[in-house]
Amino acid sequence: MTERRFTTLADGGTFFEGPRWHDGRWWVSDFYRRLVLTVAPDGTQEEVTTVENQPSGLGWLPDGSLVVVSMKDHRLLRVAADGTTSVHADLSGIGLSGPLNDLVVSGTGHAYVGCFGFDLMSGAEAVGAPLFHVAPDGSFDLIADDLHFPNGSVITPDGRTLIVGETLGARYTAFTIGDDGHVSDRRVFAQMAPTPPLGDTGTVLAALTVAPDGCTLDAEGHIWFADAMGNRVARVAPGGEIVDEIPGPDGLGVYACMLGGDDGRTLLACCAPDFFEHTRSVAREAVLATVTVEIPHAGLP
């Protein structure tokens, strides 16, 4: 594995998440400033919209509208080109435990969004969590209800495979996407370490040796992922072998990553000292950092 080092692109965040490369810029959520931002390749930041109930995953519908996960009120918001914001999908009435989290949106406007499944920040017991399909008209249905913290997700370039990271499962799980956006054929795409049994959150976290968080697909079908417990980004092959890794800058944790830039070879990482709400919400220590890799981006997001 060749040693490379991240360089800082932007700083001053509380907790960056959901990074995307779109229209020649990085787009990212900052949890506790409750902002969606763009960041130019020179590091210049601009505010896109405010999400009072905490933004996370980002994606785009075929008409160019931005879709933003509003975590704590269990909604997907739709931000039009003129900045007008509306509710795209409302999952608030189905009794979810824990916030919504990351998502990926297909080229035809079908979104796939995960949920914590429990109150991570208060240390509630870890339980199986749901993953939802949201159709272009905002209707939704349950894909699975027993994933181990469904998190960063990708869609392959042919639009036919959804791959979902299970942070507490140390694995990626794949589904086949049908013409109507619904999924089938659930299977393990990559098992990177043993999956600890769910239960006491502290015990589960202590047992994890790999914790896939936000992620991005490359043109060889490998996934770069932020290892939420390992202070690194790592590249995993189908099956589960980790074939490359880059440590986070200055010992920081890494919680999401995305390939982008003009040639798709810039890997952006969302970094912070930790992921705890009580510390991140009162500090401005999060950074966005970049490094160049060999294999370019593929698929979505």
Foldseek 3Di string as FASTA:
>chain_A
DDADAWDFLEFQALFWAAWDQDPQWIWIFRFQVQFIWTQHSNGDIDTQDGQPQGWHHWEAALVGWIWTFSWRQQFIWTQDPVRDIDTQAGPNPPDAAATKHYWWAAHNGKIKTWGQRHHVQVQPFFFATWIWIAANNHDIDTQDGGAQGWAAWFAFQVRFKIWTFRQLQQFIWIWTADPRRHTHDIDTFARADHRDDTTGPVVSLVPDPFGFHAWFAFPVRWIWTFGQNQQWIFIADGHHDTDDIYHHPPSWGWHHWYFDDPQQFKIKTWTDNHDHCVPSSVGGGITIIIDGDDTGGGGID
